[in-house]
Protein backbone atom coordinates (compact mmCIF):
# COMPACT_ATOMS: atom_id res chain seq x y z
CA MET A 1 71.05 -245.74 -82.43
CA THR A 2 70.91 -241.49 -81.86
CA SER A 3 69.15 -239.48 -79.72
CA MET A 4 67.05 -237.29 -81.50
CA THR A 5 66.25 -234.44 -79.28
CA SER A 6 69.64 -233.83 -76.15
CA PRO A 7 67.99 -233.55 -72.74
CA GLU A 8 66.45 -229.95 -71.28
CA PRO A 9 69.20 -229.05 -68.13
CA THR A 10 69.50 -228.94 -65.02
CA GLY A 11 70.50 -227.43 -61.83
CA PRO A 12 70.52 -224.10 -60.80
CA LEU A 13 68.79 -221.54 -63.20
CA LEU A 14 72.37 -220.00 -63.90
CA VAL A 15 73.91 -223.16 -64.96
CA ARG A 16 70.53 -223.29 -67.11
CA VAL A 17 70.61 -219.79 -68.57
CA ARG A 18 74.57 -220.66 -69.75
CA ALA A 19 73.85 -223.36 -70.67
CA VAL A 20 71.38 -223.20 -73.19
CA MET A 21 73.30 -219.84 -74.30
CA PRO A 22 74.29 -221.29 -77.32
CA ALA A 23 71.16 -223.15 -78.82
CA LEU A 24 68.77 -219.90 -78.34
CA ALA A 25 67.67 -217.37 -80.82
CA PRO A 26 69.25 -214.02 -81.12
CA ALA A 27 66.61 -211.86 -79.31
CA GLU A 28 66.64 -214.16 -76.83
CA GLN A 29 69.99 -214.67 -76.12
CA ARG A 30 70.16 -210.69 -75.03
CA VAL A 31 67.62 -211.59 -72.42
CA ALA A 32 70.16 -213.96 -71.38
CA ASN A 33 72.94 -211.89 -71.79
CA ALA A 34 71.55 -209.58 -69.08
CA VAL A 35 70.62 -212.06 -66.39
CA LEU A 36 73.73 -213.25 -66.60
CA ALA A 37 75.22 -209.80 -66.35
CA ASP A 38 73.32 -208.66 -63.26
CA PRO A 39 71.15 -211.36 -61.84
CA GLY A 40 70.09 -209.33 -58.65
CA GLY A 41 69.42 -206.45 -60.48
CA VAL A 42 67.08 -208.30 -62.89
CA ALA A 43 64.91 -209.97 -60.02
CA ALA A 44 64.24 -206.29 -59.62
CA MET A 45 62.83 -205.28 -62.56
CA THR A 46 59.84 -205.99 -64.25
CA ILE A 47 59.11 -207.95 -67.36
CA SER A 48 58.79 -204.50 -69.19
CA GLU A 49 61.70 -203.85 -67.74
CA LEU A 50 63.70 -206.30 -68.64
CA ALA A 51 62.05 -206.11 -72.01
CA GLU A 52 63.21 -203.07 -72.64
CA VAL A 53 66.97 -203.84 -71.03
CA ALA A 54 67.30 -206.96 -73.26
CA SER A 55 66.32 -204.35 -76.75
CA THR A 56 63.39 -207.12 -77.20
CA SER A 57 59.71 -208.28 -76.01
CA GLU A 58 57.63 -208.86 -73.28
CA THR A 59 56.97 -212.32 -75.52
CA THR A 60 60.65 -213.34 -75.15
CA VAL A 61 61.17 -212.64 -72.50
CA ILE A 62 58.49 -215.36 -71.74
CA ARG A 63 60.28 -217.81 -73.93
CA PHE A 64 63.41 -217.78 -72.38
CA CYS A 65 61.62 -218.46 -69.26
CA LYS A 66 60.77 -221.68 -70.71
CA GLN A 67 64.02 -222.00 -72.98
CA VAL A 68 65.56 -222.88 -68.67
CA GLY A 69 62.56 -225.02 -67.12
CA VAL A 70 61.06 -221.59 -65.16
CA PRO A 71 57.08 -221.86 -65.78
CA GLY A 72 56.64 -217.40 -65.58
CA TYR A 73 58.46 -214.09 -65.27
CA PRO A 74 57.36 -213.99 -61.49
CA GLN A 75 59.57 -217.51 -60.97
CA LEU A 76 62.24 -216.19 -62.81
CA ARG A 77 62.94 -213.07 -60.59
CA LEU A 78 62.10 -215.49 -57.25
CA GLN A 79 65.44 -218.14 -58.12
CA LEU A 80 67.06 -215.32 -59.74
CA ALA A 81 66.93 -213.19 -56.53
CA ALA A 82 67.84 -216.51 -54.42
CA GLN A 83 70.66 -217.53 -56.25
CA SER A 84 72.07 -214.42 -56.68
CA ALA A 85 72.08 -214.23 -53.25
CA GLN A 86 74.36 -217.05 -53.19
CA GLU A 87 76.62 -215.57 -55.53
CA ASN A 88 77.51 -212.66 -53.40
CA VAL A 89 78.92 -214.74 -50.65
CA ARG A 90 82.67 -214.23 -52.29
CA PRO A 91 81.92 -211.48 -55.18
CA GLU A 92 86.34 -210.47 -53.99
CA VAL A 93 87.38 -213.70 -56.02
CA GLY A 94 84.18 -214.78 -57.75
CA GLY A 95 85.04 -212.81 -61.23
CA ASP A 96 86.83 -212.91 -64.57
CA ILE A 97 90.94 -212.68 -63.68
CA GLU A 98 92.13 -208.75 -64.79
CA PRO A 99 95.76 -208.13 -65.95
CA ASP A 100 96.17 -206.63 -63.87
CA ASP A 101 95.22 -208.56 -60.73
CA SER A 102 97.77 -209.53 -58.42
CA LEU A 103 99.65 -213.11 -58.60
CA ALA A 104 97.90 -213.29 -55.12
CA ASP A 105 94.58 -212.70 -57.01
CA VAL A 106 95.00 -215.04 -59.96
CA VAL A 107 96.03 -217.57 -57.00
CA GLY A 108 92.37 -217.38 -55.11
CA LYS A 109 90.19 -216.61 -58.17
CA VAL A 110 91.16 -219.75 -60.16
CA ALA A 111 90.59 -221.32 -56.64
CA PHE A 112 86.93 -220.01 -56.63
CA ALA A 113 86.40 -220.65 -60.19
CA ASP A 114 87.76 -224.26 -59.87
CA GLU A 115 85.54 -225.12 -57.07
CA ARG A 116 82.21 -224.27 -58.37
CA ALA A 117 83.39 -225.76 -61.79
CA VAL A 118 82.74 -228.76 -58.85
CA ARG A 119 80.26 -227.87 -57.43
CA GLU A 120 77.57 -226.34 -60.13
CA THR A 121 78.54 -229.69 -61.96
CA ALA A 122 77.34 -231.95 -59.36
CA GLN A 123 74.21 -230.49 -59.32
CA GLN A 124 73.29 -230.72 -62.54
CA LEU A 125 74.56 -234.24 -63.55
CA ASP A 126 71.63 -236.14 -64.28
CA VAL A 127 73.04 -239.58 -62.30
CA ASP A 128 70.63 -242.07 -63.73
CA THR A 129 72.31 -241.01 -67.44
CA LEU A 130 75.30 -241.77 -65.37
CA ALA A 131 74.02 -245.04 -64.45
CA GLN A 132 73.51 -245.90 -67.87
CA VAL A 133 76.66 -245.13 -69.54
CA VAL A 134 78.54 -246.60 -66.35
CA ASP A 135 76.55 -250.11 -66.94
CA ALA A 136 76.89 -249.43 -70.49
CA VAL A 137 80.91 -249.23 -70.28
CA ALA A 138 80.95 -252.30 -67.72
CA LYS A 139 79.83 -254.70 -70.12
CA ALA A 140 81.45 -253.38 -72.93
CA PRO A 141 84.46 -255.27 -74.91
CA ARG A 142 85.57 -252.11 -76.50
CA VAL A 143 85.17 -248.11 -75.01
CA ASP A 144 86.53 -245.71 -77.42
CA LEU A 145 87.17 -242.28 -76.03
CA TYR A 146 87.40 -238.91 -78.62
CA GLY A 147 88.01 -235.51 -77.92
CA SER A 148 90.47 -232.90 -79.30
CA GLY A 149 93.05 -230.18 -77.51
CA ALA A 150 92.56 -229.63 -73.75
CA SER A 151 89.64 -232.51 -73.88
CA ALA A 152 92.02 -235.20 -75.52
CA PHE A 153 93.82 -235.18 -72.25
CA VAL A 154 90.73 -235.74 -70.06
CA ALA A 155 90.24 -238.86 -72.91
CA LEU A 156 93.63 -240.36 -71.70
CA ASP A 157 92.69 -240.44 -68.00
CA LEU A 158 89.85 -241.88 -68.45
CA GLN A 159 91.71 -244.56 -71.12
CA GLN A 160 94.77 -245.43 -67.60
CA LYS A 161 92.01 -245.18 -65.67
CA LEU A 162 89.75 -247.65 -67.18
CA HIS A 163 92.75 -249.52 -68.67
CA ARG A 164 93.72 -250.48 -64.79
CA ILE A 165 90.33 -252.06 -64.21
CA ARG A 166 91.07 -254.20 -66.78
CA ARG A 167 88.82 -252.58 -69.60
CA VAL A 168 89.68 -252.65 -72.68
CA ALA A 169 89.93 -248.57 -74.02
CA PHE A 170 91.54 -246.55 -76.73
CA ALA A 171 91.36 -242.62 -76.23
CA TRP A 172 92.19 -241.19 -79.97
CA SER A 173 93.63 -237.42 -80.77
CA ASP A 174 93.76 -237.75 -83.85
CA VAL A 175 90.51 -237.63 -86.48
CA HIS A 176 91.67 -240.41 -88.57
CA VAL A 177 92.75 -242.83 -86.63
CA ALA A 178 89.60 -242.24 -84.45
CA LEU A 179 87.85 -242.25 -87.40
CA THR A 180 89.06 -245.65 -88.89
CA SER A 181 89.33 -246.79 -85.37
CA ALA A 182 85.12 -245.82 -84.86
CA ALA A 183 84.34 -247.83 -87.64
CA LEU A 184 85.84 -250.88 -86.15
CA LEU A 185 83.19 -250.76 -83.16
CA GLY A 186 80.29 -252.80 -83.31
CA ASP A 187 77.50 -253.76 -80.76
CA GLY A 188 78.05 -253.48 -77.26
CA ASP A 189 81.09 -250.77 -77.58
CA VAL A 190 81.11 -247.51 -76.11
CA ALA A 191 82.31 -244.77 -78.04
CA ILE A 192 82.37 -241.30 -75.49
CA GLY A 193 83.19 -237.66 -76.92
CA ILE A 194 84.65 -235.13 -74.69
CA SER A 195 84.48 -231.13 -75.74
CA HIS A 196 83.19 -228.49 -74.42
CA THR A 197 80.97 -226.66 -76.26
CA GLY A 198 80.02 -229.71 -78.19
CA THR A 199 81.40 -227.97 -81.16
CA THR A 200 84.39 -229.76 -82.19
CA VAL A 201 84.03 -231.42 -85.63
CA GLU A 202 86.70 -233.65 -85.60
CA VAL A 203 84.20 -235.52 -82.02
CA ILE A 204 81.57 -234.68 -83.50
CA GLU A 205 82.45 -237.15 -86.91
CA ALA A 206 83.85 -240.08 -84.60
CA LEU A 207 80.93 -240.54 -82.41
CA GLU A 208 78.65 -240.12 -85.85
CA GLU A 209 80.36 -242.81 -87.38
CA ALA A 210 80.89 -245.59 -84.02
CA ALA A 211 76.65 -245.18 -84.33
CA ARG A 212 76.37 -245.34 -87.66
CA HIS A 213 78.47 -249.09 -86.71
CA GLY A 214 76.10 -249.57 -83.71
CA ALA A 215 77.89 -248.52 -81.08
CA THR A 216 76.27 -246.71 -77.91
CA THR A 217 77.18 -242.97 -77.99
CA VAL A 218 77.81 -240.86 -75.18
CA ALA A 219 78.23 -237.51 -75.17
CA VAL A 220 80.68 -235.12 -72.46
CA THR A 221 79.98 -231.30 -73.03
CA ASN A 222 78.74 -228.34 -70.87
CA PHE A 223 75.90 -227.42 -73.71
CA PRO A 224 73.33 -230.13 -73.80
CA ARG A 225 71.69 -228.64 -76.57
CA SER A 226 74.77 -228.81 -78.52
CA PRO A 227 75.76 -230.84 -81.61
CA LEU A 228 78.06 -233.86 -79.38
CA ALA A 229 74.77 -233.61 -77.37
CA HIS A 230 72.62 -234.24 -80.58
CA ALA A 231 74.85 -237.21 -81.81
CA ALA A 232 74.56 -239.03 -78.67
CA ASP A 233 72.68 -241.87 -76.69
CA LEU A 234 73.65 -240.00 -73.45
CA VAL A 235 74.87 -237.07 -72.53
CA LEU A 236 76.57 -236.06 -69.75
CA THR A 237 76.63 -232.70 -68.83
CA THR A 238 79.47 -230.01 -66.63
CA ALA A 239 78.79 -226.63 -65.95
CA ALA A 240 82.52 -224.59 -66.39
CA ARG A 241 82.45 -220.86 -67.08
CA GLU A 242 85.14 -219.62 -69.35
CA THR A 243 86.58 -216.72 -68.93
CA THR A 244 89.43 -214.76 -71.06
CA TYR A 245 92.09 -216.23 -69.16
CA ARG A 246 90.04 -220.15 -69.13
CA SER A 247 89.13 -220.78 -72.15
CA GLY A 248 88.99 -224.83 -72.77
CA ALA A 249 91.77 -225.63 -70.42
CA MET A 250 91.39 -224.68 -66.82
CA SER A 251 87.73 -225.28 -64.70
CA SER A 252 86.14 -227.17 -67.97
CA ARG A 253 88.74 -229.54 -68.19
CA ILE A 254 88.18 -229.58 -64.28
CA ALA A 255 84.42 -229.97 -64.36
CA GLN A 256 85.25 -233.15 -66.67
CA LEU A 257 87.36 -234.42 -64.48
CA MET A 258 85.03 -234.71 -62.57
CA VAL A 259 82.73 -236.65 -64.69
CA ILE A 260 85.32 -238.33 -65.35
CA ASP A 261 86.11 -239.56 -62.17
CA CYS A 262 82.24 -240.25 -61.24
CA LEU A 263 81.66 -242.06 -63.88
CA PHE A 264 85.52 -244.91 -63.79
CA ILE A 265 84.78 -245.19 -59.93
CA GLY A 266 81.16 -246.37 -61.40
CA VAL A 267 82.70 -248.71 -63.15
CA ALA A 268 85.03 -249.63 -61.09
CA GLN A 269 81.85 -250.36 -58.34
CA SER A 270 80.18 -253.02 -61.10
CA VAL A 271 82.78 -255.11 -61.61
CA LEU A 272 84.13 -255.94 -58.04
CA PRO A 273 86.14 -257.66 -57.35
CA ASP A 274 87.97 -257.75 -60.07
CA ALA A 275 88.66 -253.79 -60.67
CA ARG A 276 90.15 -254.39 -56.70
CA LYS A 277 92.41 -257.22 -57.44
CA ALA A 278 93.33 -255.21 -61.27
CA LEU A 279 94.32 -251.81 -58.90
CA GLU A 280 96.48 -253.71 -56.63
CA GLU A 281 98.29 -255.57 -59.14
CA THR A 282 98.75 -252.20 -61.16
CA ALA A 283 99.84 -250.61 -58.40
CA SER A 284 102.74 -253.37 -57.11
CA ALA A 285 104.32 -252.85 -61.06
CA VAL A 286 104.99 -249.62 -60.05
CA ARG A 287 106.22 -249.99 -56.89
CA GLY A 288 109.07 -250.43 -57.41
CA HIS A 289 109.41 -247.31 -59.40
CA ARG A 290 109.15 -244.94 -56.20
CA MET A 291 111.76 -243.60 -54.90
CA LYS A 292 112.34 -245.39 -50.35
CA SER A 293 113.14 -242.45 -48.13
CA SER A 294 112.64 -242.66 -44.25
CA VAL A 295 111.63 -240.97 -41.51
CA ASN A 296 114.42 -239.28 -40.38
CA ASP A 297 115.54 -238.20 -44.19
CA GLN A 298 111.36 -237.03 -44.91
CA GLN A 299 112.77 -235.03 -41.49
CA ASN A 300 115.55 -232.73 -43.47
């Protein structure tokens, strides 16, 4: 049975603000935009000043605090002050990639953004929920994986990993094939939908079809209040920041792969020693397709 409520966002304050942003009312979104644009500046504002900057009321600011899991405005200011100090540790590489950035700047900003995506995803990932997903996948007769675009590559990565430890898994990116496969799932099977925004219609439809046939459904998404999260029994969230030059294909995929790796390792641990034997056998099967080189060749 799918969940009627989505999990509350966790992790550092600015991660929670970005996670709930799409689900906020327009006036609350204006407060969120002000907070994200200048966390340190907002930390120094009174509630009246922030309300004026966001063209809204003090009551809306209080509602925004509740939405991001903060009891009141004083606590919001304290958390913003603390996190803005951390955010400014490497300001030279913390911004968006600009059209006139040098290639060296691009390398620095991409590396920093990817490292931050992994770190912030780890900080807010619900380990108890992850354990439930690991248990369900380890016991499942069959696992379906749904993803479109960049998320389809993440689904294929998990399928390959699970296949190597003898878990029956299929990754589907075509909506027709995904729906027909989902219709054949049943009790004990697991369906995992992967979407950064949580609004990919094809992935949502496949997950809902799997749920109708009794499968345990899992969402991997950046937004815990998204439609995909609402359609799932269990939700694993990422914490990637997409920007102008990085939409859909870079930091979001890095964050998803981090979650997928944690899930795979958890499953492998739960089915030892069979997983270890399977990994050894599959590595041995492809070993002959690797070039052999001597130490001298490597030195030359």
